[in-house]
């Protein structure tokens, strides 16, 4: 007798072979997948009929600022650099550990309802983000922030290494928290602090996550200061390896792509944010061709206005076809992998999440197919990448435990969160008046 059996689904496993099994399901025991495939002869203490829907691995959002959901739509029609000055003004006025938890709850709730089970989140007051994730029942990758100057959290730069170490100590060996170090970017964090952040991550065999080469302005600023481009600067400092996760990487030349491929570092593509802030279009087909691992992220709702991984998937699959005029620039399978196993790999977690395979954590999402845009349905993967919307997500499980049921959060009163955000809106608006 299994703990949970899900039946009557088309299972898109996301495994290395691209296995899809029709009229199938999964069995779950002790939070892990014990069987993936036909389940006709299996019984569970809890059973769920998928109703012919598509069962997929939980999505992995590999770059986010969930608490910035508080500022959704506040700053518009500006490129990144002036946009950031206004954003940081608003954050400095509003953010506290309590409001960070509120914003993170809002953002992570949106993500969970859209099928995201694991999020890599870079933001102030990471303990608040952990609290929000745990209240919802989802996994979170976060940790100590590094920033020259006080930052919007008012922190002392000299105290940030100790805070990062304390985060590792508190969350060592926890299944739901993936600690790392999170320097903001090479233009806001000096070489010594970057090396310190990487050394701390290295001691803990953890991820090191930073923004990199997002805009032309950033590239020019780093060249002016250090005499080399962003990726060359990070490489010169010894920061690039298989545990390095770089957000954006829009402005790269051929040699920088080769450096990334040699290093094993992962790149996180954020197409919605890059387009909305007019940052440019990342060279994703060239990165993939070179063998650079590419994951997918939403960035924050302040830059993309929502946290929709399905929009990100569809853009990752279509944007580069138009930009290169090559229909195979990013394949359907590559786009889906960016949001699942590639994200898990970037977080150092591909051994336990990112695909539906026996022995892995039972992080799963059920997609309804009783919708007009789901028929006819000839290829499940094509439907997922090009037709599925976050509103098609009906059920989400993390470690075999339901966190979304019939499109509603299981563990959290969303109404209370929405009311609290509404109460805060006048102060947020006033922060940039």
Protein backbone atom coordinates (compact mmCIF):
# COMPACT_ATOMS: atom_id res chain seq x y z
CA UNK A 1 0.00 0.00 0.00
CA UNK A 2 1.57 3.29 -1.13
CA UNK A 3 1.15 6.59 0.67
CA UNK A 4 -0.22 8.24 -2.48
CA UNK A 5 -1.19 7.01 -5.92
CA UNK A 6 -2.06 9.36 -8.76
CA UNK A 7 -3.66 7.67 -11.74
CA UNK A 8 -5.33 8.48 -15.07
CA UNK A 9 -2.68 10.97 -16.20
CA UNK A 10 -0.28 11.52 -19.05
CA UNK A 11 3.07 11.66 -17.28
CA UNK A 12 5.69 13.95 -18.80
CA UNK A 13 8.67 12.85 -16.76
CA UNK A 14 11.23 15.42 -17.89
CA UNK A 15 13.93 12.73 -17.64
CA UNK A 16 17.02 12.56 -19.85
CA UNK A 17 15.23 10.39 -22.41
CA UNK A 18 12.20 12.68 -22.61
CA UNK A 19 9.91 9.87 -21.47
CA UNK A 20 6.17 10.46 -21.74
CA UNK A 21 3.77 7.77 -20.50
CA UNK A 22 0.08 7.84 -21.43
CA UNK A 23 -2.68 6.36 -19.22
CA UNK A 24 -0.26 6.29 -16.30
CA UNK A 25 0.54 7.87 -12.96
CA UNK A 26 2.88 7.69 -10.01
CA UNK A 27 3.17 6.08 -6.60
CA UNK A 28 4.64 7.99 -3.66
CA UNK A 29 6.12 6.70 -0.41
CA UNK A 30 7.71 8.80 2.35
CA UNK A 31 7.67 11.89 0.14
CA UNK A 32 9.50 10.24 -2.76
CA UNK A 33 8.45 8.73 -6.06
CA UNK A 34 8.52 4.96 -5.71
CA UNK A 35 7.05 4.25 -9.14
CA UNK A 36 6.43 6.21 -12.35
CA UNK A 37 4.39 4.63 -15.14
CA UNK A 38 1.37 2.35 -15.27
CA UNK A 39 -0.30 2.12 -11.86
CA UNK A 40 -3.25 -0.18 -12.63
CA UNK A 41 -2.24 -2.72 -9.97
CA UNK A 42 -1.21 -0.24 -7.27
CA UNK A 43 -3.21 1.11 -4.37
CA UNK A 44 -2.62 4.04 -2.07
CA UNK A 45 -3.78 5.22 1.31
CA UNK A 46 -4.57 8.39 -0.58
CA UNK A 47 -5.58 8.26 -4.23
CA UNK A 48 -6.06 10.99 -6.79
CA UNK A 49 -7.69 10.67 -10.20
CA UNK A 50 -5.92 13.08 -12.56
CA UNK A 51 -8.90 13.12 -14.88
CA UNK A 52 -6.75 12.69 -17.97
CA UNK A 53 -4.57 15.71 -17.16
CA UNK A 54 -0.83 16.02 -17.62
CA UNK A 55 1.41 15.31 -14.64
CA UNK A 56 4.79 17.06 -14.75
CA UNK A 57 7.73 17.77 -12.44
CA UNK A 58 7.38 20.82 -10.22
CA UNK A 59 8.72 23.89 -12.00
CA UNK A 60 11.96 25.46 -10.77
CA UNK A 61 12.16 29.26 -10.88
CA UNK A 62 15.90 29.85 -10.91
CA UNK A 63 15.90 33.64 -10.42
CA UNK A 64 13.36 35.64 -8.46
CA UNK A 65 12.87 38.47 -5.99
CA UNK A 66 9.55 37.31 -4.57
CA UNK A 67 9.07 40.06 -1.98
CA UNK A 68 9.38 42.68 -4.73
CA UNK A 69 5.82 41.66 -5.60
CA UNK A 70 4.86 44.47 -3.21
CA UNK A 71 6.02 46.94 -5.87
CA UNK A 72 4.31 45.37 -8.88
CA UNK A 73 3.61 48.04 -11.49
CA UNK A 74 5.12 50.84 -9.39
CA UNK A 75 7.97 51.82 -11.73
CA UNK A 76 7.33 51.69 -15.46
CA UNK A 77 8.86 52.59 -18.82
CA UNK A 78 12.45 52.99 -17.63
CA UNK A 79 15.64 51.06 -18.48
CA UNK A 80 17.34 49.14 -15.71
CA UNK A 81 19.71 51.72 -14.22
CA UNK A 82 17.26 54.61 -13.58
CA UNK A 83 14.59 52.04 -12.83
CA UNK A 84 16.77 50.58 -10.06
CA UNK A 85 17.28 53.98 -8.41
CA UNK A 86 13.52 54.36 -8.00
CA UNK A 87 13.08 50.72 -6.95
CA UNK A 88 15.72 51.03 -4.25
CA UNK A 89 14.08 54.20 -2.96
CA UNK A 90 10.78 52.37 -2.57
CA UNK A 91 12.41 49.34 -0.98
CA UNK A 92 14.30 51.49 1.54
CA UNK A 93 11.06 53.16 2.61
CA UNK A 94 8.92 50.03 2.88
CA UNK A 95 10.97 46.93 3.54
CA UNK A 96 11.33 45.42 6.99
CA UNK A 97 11.53 41.76 7.97
CA UNK A 98 7.74 41.81 8.32
CA UNK A 99 6.96 43.45 4.99
CA UNK A 100 9.51 41.21 3.28
CA UNK A 101 7.65 38.20 4.61
CA UNK A 102 4.36 39.67 3.37
CA UNK A 103 5.78 40.36 -0.10
CA UNK A 104 7.49 36.98 -0.29
CA UNK A 105 4.24 35.28 0.70
CA UNK A 106 2.41 37.13 -2.05
CA UNK A 107 5.04 36.25 -4.65
CA UNK A 108 5.57 32.64 -3.64
CA UNK A 109 1.81 32.09 -3.47
CA UNK A 110 1.51 33.27 -7.06
CA UNK A 111 4.33 30.94 -8.05
CA UNK A 112 2.87 27.94 -6.21
CA UNK A 113 -0.53 28.45 -7.82
CA UNK A 114 1.29 28.45 -11.17
CA UNK A 115 3.09 25.17 -10.52
CA UNK A 116 6.44 26.34 -9.12
CA UNK A 117 7.65 24.09 -6.32
CA UNK A 118 11.20 25.44 -5.92
CA UNK A 119 12.38 29.05 -6.21
CA UNK A 120 15.86 30.55 -6.10
CA UNK A 121 15.23 33.90 -4.44
CA UNK A 122 17.68 36.79 -3.98
CA UNK A 123 16.37 39.42 -1.59
CA UNK A 124 16.85 41.32 1.61
CA UNK A 125 15.94 39.60 4.90
CA UNK A 126 16.22 36.03 3.57
CA UNK A 127 14.92 34.60 6.86
CA UNK A 128 11.58 36.24 6.06
CA UNK A 129 11.53 34.53 2.67
CA UNK A 130 12.13 31.17 4.33
CA UNK A 131 9.23 31.81 6.70
CA UNK A 132 6.97 32.64 3.75
CA UNK A 133 8.02 29.55 1.81
CA UNK A 134 7.40 27.30 4.78
CA UNK A 135 3.96 28.78 5.37
CA UNK A 136 3.07 27.79 1.80
CA UNK A 137 4.86 24.43 1.79
CA UNK A 138 7.29 25.10 -1.07
CA UNK A 139 11.07 24.79 -1.39
CA UNK A 140 13.28 27.88 -1.34
CA UNK A 141 16.90 28.55 -2.27
CA UNK A 142 18.17 31.73 -0.62
CA UNK A 143 20.80 33.03 1.76
CA UNK A 144 23.10 35.85 2.74
CA UNK A 145 23.04 38.99 0.61
CA UNK A 146 26.26 40.85 -0.25
CA UNK A 147 26.11 44.53 -1.22
CA UNK A 148 28.58 47.39 -0.91
CA UNK A 149 27.06 50.04 1.32
CA UNK A 150 24.11 49.49 3.63
CA UNK A 151 21.62 48.30 1.04
CA UNK A 152 17.90 48.74 1.52
CA UNK A 153 18.01 46.48 4.58
CA UNK A 154 20.38 48.94 6.28
CA UNK A 155 22.92 46.18 6.86
CA UNK A 156 26.59 46.76 7.57
CA UNK A 157 28.67 45.33 4.69
CA UNK A 158 31.26 44.11 7.19
CA UNK A 159 28.61 42.03 8.95
CA UNK A 160 27.28 40.31 5.84
CA UNK A 161 29.78 37.40 5.79
CA UNK A 162 28.87 36.50 9.36
CA UNK A 163 25.17 36.69 8.52
CA UNK A 164 25.72 34.41 5.52
CA UNK A 165 27.55 31.88 7.68
CA UNK A 166 24.76 32.02 10.26
CA UNK A 167 22.20 31.26 7.54
CA UNK A 168 24.13 28.13 6.56
CA UNK A 169 24.37 27.05 10.19
CA UNK A 170 20.64 27.47 10.72
CA UNK A 171 19.55 25.66 7.57
CA UNK A 172 22.11 22.90 7.18
CA UNK A 173 20.68 19.63 5.83
CA UNK A 174 17.10 20.89 5.53
CA UNK A 175 15.03 19.46 2.69
CA UNK A 176 13.03 22.60 2.05
CA UNK A 177 15.80 25.22 2.22
CA UNK A 178 18.77 25.34 -0.18
CA UNK A 179 21.28 27.85 1.24
CA UNK A 180 23.73 29.83 -0.83
CA UNK A 181 25.44 33.21 -1.06
CA UNK A 182 23.88 36.03 -3.05
CA UNK A 183 26.06 39.03 -3.98
CA UNK A 184 23.92 41.43 -5.98
CA UNK A 185 26.25 42.09 -8.93
CA UNK A 186 29.82 42.99 -9.83
CA UNK A 187 28.89 46.67 -10.14
CA UNK A 188 27.43 46.80 -6.59
CA UNK A 189 29.82 44.37 -4.87
CA UNK A 190 33.59 44.84 -4.94
CA UNK A 191 36.14 42.11 -5.70
CA UNK A 192 36.98 41.35 -2.06
CA UNK A 193 33.35 40.89 -1.07
CA UNK A 194 32.68 38.76 -4.16
CA UNK A 195 35.59 36.50 -3.28
CA UNK A 196 34.38 36.27 0.32
CA UNK A 197 30.88 35.31 -0.78
CA UNK A 198 32.28 32.65 -3.11
CA UNK A 199 34.60 31.30 -0.41
CA UNK A 200 31.71 30.92 2.03
CA UNK A 201 29.63 29.12 -0.61
CA UNK A 202 32.62 26.93 -1.44
CA UNK A 203 33.11 25.86 2.17
CA UNK A 204 29.51 24.71 2.25
CA UNK A 205 29.51 23.22 -1.28
CA UNK A 206 26.67 25.61 -2.04
CA UNK A 207 25.45 27.83 -4.84
CA UNK A 208 26.81 31.31 -5.52
CA UNK A 209 24.22 33.45 -7.29
CA UNK A 210 24.61 36.91 -8.80
CA UNK A 211 23.35 39.15 -11.59
CA UNK A 212 25.76 39.30 -14.52
CA UNK A 213 25.99 41.12 -17.86
CA UNK A 214 22.36 42.20 -17.77
CA UNK A 215 22.83 45.50 -19.63
CA UNK A 216 25.28 47.35 -21.86
CA UNK A 217 25.65 49.96 -19.09
CA UNK A 218 26.80 47.24 -16.66
CA UNK A 219 29.38 45.97 -19.13
CA UNK A 220 30.71 49.50 -19.68
CA UNK A 221 30.85 50.19 -15.93
CA UNK A 222 32.83 47.03 -15.17
CA UNK A 223 35.23 47.64 -18.07
CA UNK A 224 35.79 51.18 -16.83
CA UNK A 225 36.56 50.03 -13.29
CA UNK A 226 38.50 46.83 -13.88
CA UNK A 227 39.60 46.85 -17.51
CA UNK A 228 37.65 43.75 -18.46
CA UNK A 229 34.09 42.66 -19.17
CA UNK A 230 31.74 41.23 -16.54
CA UNK A 231 32.28 37.53 -17.27
CA UNK A 232 36.04 38.01 -17.66
CA UNK A 233 36.03 39.90 -14.36
CA UNK A 234 34.19 37.08 -12.57
CA UNK A 235 36.51 34.55 -14.16
CA UNK A 236 39.58 36.59 -13.17
CA UNK A 237 38.34 36.54 -9.56
CA UNK A 238 37.94 32.75 -9.63
CA UNK A 239 34.18 32.86 -9.16
CA UNK A 240 33.02 30.67 -12.04
CA UNK A 241 32.43 26.96 -11.53
CA UNK A 242 29.61 24.42 -11.58
CA UNK A 243 28.07 25.91 -8.41
CA UNK A 244 27.88 29.43 -9.88
CA UNK A 245 24.46 30.63 -11.06
CA UNK A 246 24.42 33.80 -13.17
CA UNK A 247 21.19 35.68 -13.80
CA UNK A 248 20.58 37.27 -17.23
CA UNK A 249 23.89 37.17 -19.19
CA UNK A 250 22.32 39.20 -21.97
CA UNK A 251 25.48 40.94 -23.19
CA UNK A 252 28.10 38.31 -23.97
CA UNK A 253 30.67 37.90 -26.70
CA UNK A 254 31.86 34.58 -28.12
CA UNK A 255 34.84 34.32 -25.78
CA UNK A 256 32.67 34.93 -22.73
CA UNK A 257 30.32 32.15 -23.81
CA UNK A 258 33.35 29.87 -24.13
CA UNK A 259 34.50 30.88 -20.64
CA UNK A 260 31.09 29.99 -19.21
CA UNK A 261 31.05 26.66 -21.04
CA UNK A 262 34.51 25.80 -19.72
CA UNK A 263 33.60 26.78 -16.16
CA UNK A 264 30.39 24.79 -15.84
CA UNK A 265 28.48 27.80 -14.50
CA UNK A 266 24.74 27.99 -15.14
CA UNK A 267 22.95 30.91 -16.77
CA UNK A 268 19.39 31.85 -15.85
CA UNK A 269 17.36 33.25 -18.74
CA UNK A 270 14.79 35.89 -17.72
CA UNK A 271 13.10 36.80 -20.99
CA UNK A 272 10.12 38.74 -19.60
CA UNK A 273 12.22 41.07 -17.47
CA UNK A 274 14.90 41.53 -20.13
CA UNK A 275 12.29 42.53 -22.70
CA UNK A 276 10.27 44.82 -20.42
CA UNK A 277 13.34 46.70 -19.17
CA UNK A 278 14.71 46.91 -22.73
CA UNK A 279 17.88 45.13 -21.61
CA UNK A 280 18.13 43.05 -24.76
CA UNK A 281 17.83 39.44 -25.84
CA UNK A 282 20.24 36.91 -24.38
CA UNK A 283 22.14 34.65 -26.78
CA UNK A 284 20.40 31.53 -25.50
CA UNK A 285 20.80 29.41 -28.67
CA UNK A 286 24.55 30.12 -28.67
CA UNK A 287 24.82 29.32 -24.95
CA UNK A 288 23.00 26.02 -25.44
CA UNK A 289 25.11 25.13 -28.47
CA UNK A 290 28.27 25.77 -26.44
CA UNK A 291 27.04 23.47 -23.70
CA UNK A 292 26.31 26.14 -21.09
CA UNK A 293 23.54 24.96 -18.72
CA UNK A 294 20.57 27.34 -19.11
CA UNK A 295 17.79 27.55 -16.53
CA UNK A 296 14.77 29.84 -16.48
CA UNK A 297 13.52 32.56 -14.15
CA UNK A 298 10.78 35.12 -13.77
CA UNK A 299 12.91 37.80 -12.08
CA UNK A 300 10.76 39.94 -9.76
CA UNK A 301 7.19 41.08 -10.33
CA UNK A 302 8.48 44.65 -10.10
CA UNK A 303 10.29 44.19 -13.41
CA UNK A 304 7.98 41.75 -15.18
CA UNK A 305 4.70 42.54 -13.39
CA UNK A 306 3.86 38.93 -12.71
CA UNK A 307 5.64 35.71 -11.76
CA UNK A 308 4.50 33.50 -14.59
CA UNK A 309 6.86 30.66 -15.42
CA UNK A 310 4.59 29.55 -18.26
CA UNK A 311 5.03 32.92 -19.96
CA UNK A 312 8.78 32.55 -19.44
CA UNK A 313 8.74 29.05 -20.95
CA UNK A 314 6.79 30.18 -23.99
CA UNK A 315 9.05 33.18 -24.57
CA UNK A 316 12.16 31.04 -24.17
CA UNK A 317 10.78 28.75 -26.85
CA UNK A 318 9.60 31.44 -29.28
CA UNK A 319 11.64 34.61 -28.79
CA UNK A 320 14.86 33.17 -30.14
CA UNK A 321 13.19 31.67 -33.18
CA UNK A 322 12.17 35.16 -34.23
CA UNK A 323 15.47 36.78 -33.25
CA UNK A 324 17.57 34.26 -35.18
CA UNK A 325 15.03 33.37 -37.88
CA UNK A 326 15.73 29.73 -37.07
CA UNK A 327 12.72 27.61 -36.16
CA UNK A 328 14.92 25.21 -34.18
CA UNK A 329 16.84 27.91 -32.26
CA UNK A 330 15.44 26.62 -28.96
CA UNK A 331 13.60 23.32 -29.15
CA UNK A 332 10.43 22.49 -27.28
CA UNK A 333 12.29 20.00 -25.13
CA UNK A 334 15.05 22.50 -24.33
CA UNK A 335 12.51 25.12 -23.24
CA UNK A 336 10.73 22.69 -20.92
CA UNK A 337 14.04 21.50 -19.49
CA UNK A 338 15.03 25.07 -18.63
CA UNK A 339 12.07 25.25 -16.24
CA UNK A 340 12.59 21.81 -14.71
CA UNK A 341 15.77 19.73 -14.72
CA UNK A 342 18.11 22.57 -15.78
CA UNK A 343 16.84 24.68 -12.92
CA UNK A 344 17.33 21.78 -10.53
CA UNK A 345 20.85 21.29 -11.86
CA UNK A 346 21.68 24.98 -11.38
CA UNK A 347 20.64 24.68 -7.73
CA UNK A 348 22.72 21.52 -7.27
CA UNK A 349 19.51 19.56 -6.72
CA UNK A 350 19.05 17.50 -9.89
CA UNK A 351 19.56 14.33 -7.88
CA UNK A 352 16.30 14.95 -6.04
CA UNK A 353 14.06 17.34 -8.02
CA UNK A 354 13.50 18.46 -11.61
CA UNK A 355 12.09 15.27 -13.12
CA UNK A 356 9.62 12.54 -12.26
CA UNK A 357 11.85 9.52 -11.63
CA UNK A 358 11.77 6.82 -8.96
CA UNK A 359 13.76 7.88 -5.92
CA UNK A 360 13.32 11.62 -6.44
CA UNK A 361 11.17 13.90 -4.30
CA UNK A 362 7.50 13.83 -5.27
CA UNK A 363 7.35 17.45 -6.45
CA UNK A 364 4.57 17.32 -9.04
CA UNK A 365 2.12 19.52 -10.91
CA UNK A 366 -1.15 18.49 -12.54
CA UNK A 367 -2.21 20.40 -15.65
CA UNK A 368 -5.87 20.31 -16.67
CA UNK A 369 -6.57 19.42 -20.27
CA UNK A 370 -10.35 19.88 -20.26
CA UNK A 371 -9.96 23.35 -21.73
CA UNK A 372 -10.68 24.65 -25.26
CA UNK A 373 -7.01 25.47 -25.85
CA UNK A 374 -6.04 21.91 -24.90
CA UNK A 375 -7.88 20.16 -27.71
CA UNK A 376 -6.89 18.59 -29.93
CA UNK A 377 -3.80 17.47 -28.03
CA UNK A 378 -1.34 15.55 -30.21
CA UNK A 379 1.85 16.08 -28.23
CA UNK A 380 1.82 16.76 -24.45
CA UNK A 381 5.19 18.51 -24.45
CA UNK A 382 4.17 20.88 -27.24
CA UNK A 383 0.99 21.68 -25.33
CA UNK A 384 2.95 22.42 -22.16
CA UNK A 385 5.40 24.77 -23.84
CA UNK A 386 3.15 26.63 -26.27
CA UNK A 387 -0.41 26.42 -24.91
CA UNK A 388 -0.42 25.95 -21.15
CA UNK A 389 -1.23 28.86 -18.83
CA UNK A 390 -0.74 29.11 -15.07
CA UNK A 391 -4.52 28.99 -14.72
CA UNK A 392 -4.38 25.41 -16.05
CA UNK A 393 -2.55 24.29 -12.89
CA UNK A 394 -5.06 22.48 -10.68
CA UNK A 395 -2.92 20.54 -8.18
CA UNK A 396 0.61 20.85 -6.84
CA UNK A 397 2.47 18.48 -4.54
CA UNK A 398 5.79 19.07 -2.78
CA UNK A 399 7.37 15.97 -1.32
CA UNK A 400 4.08 14.18 -1.91
CA UNK A 401 2.13 16.69 0.16
CA UNK A 402 -0.56 18.77 -1.52
CA UNK A 403 0.15 22.50 -1.47
CA UNK A 404 -2.41 23.43 -4.15
CA UNK A 405 -5.72 21.55 -4.46
CA UNK A 406 -8.32 22.39 -7.09
CA UNK A 407 -6.53 25.65 -7.78
CA UNK A 408 -6.46 26.80 -4.15
CA UNK A 409 -3.62 27.00 -1.65
CA UNK A 410 -3.84 24.26 0.96
CA UNK A 411 -1.81 25.73 3.83
CA UNK A 412 -2.34 29.46 3.56
CA UNK A 413 -5.20 31.96 3.75
CA UNK A 414 -4.54 34.01 0.64
CA UNK A 415 -7.34 36.42 1.52
CA UNK A 416 -5.49 37.61 4.62
CA UNK A 417 -2.33 38.22 2.59
CA UNK A 418 -4.18 40.17 -0.08
CA UNK A 419 -5.89 42.31 2.57
CA UNK A 420 -2.56 43.10 4.23
CA UNK A 421 -1.05 44.11 0.89
CA UNK A 422 -4.01 46.36 0.13
CA UNK A 423 -3.53 48.07 3.49
CA UNK A 424 0.12 48.72 2.62
CA UNK A 425 -0.54 50.10 -0.88
CA UNK A 426 -0.90 53.80 0.12
CA UNK A 427 2.50 53.78 1.83
CA UNK A 428 4.10 52.03 -1.15
CA UNK A 429 2.66 54.61 -3.55
CA UNK A 430 3.85 57.44 -1.30
CA UNK A 431 7.40 56.05 -1.24
CA UNK A 432 8.03 57.21 -4.81
CA UNK A 433 5.73 60.23 -4.88
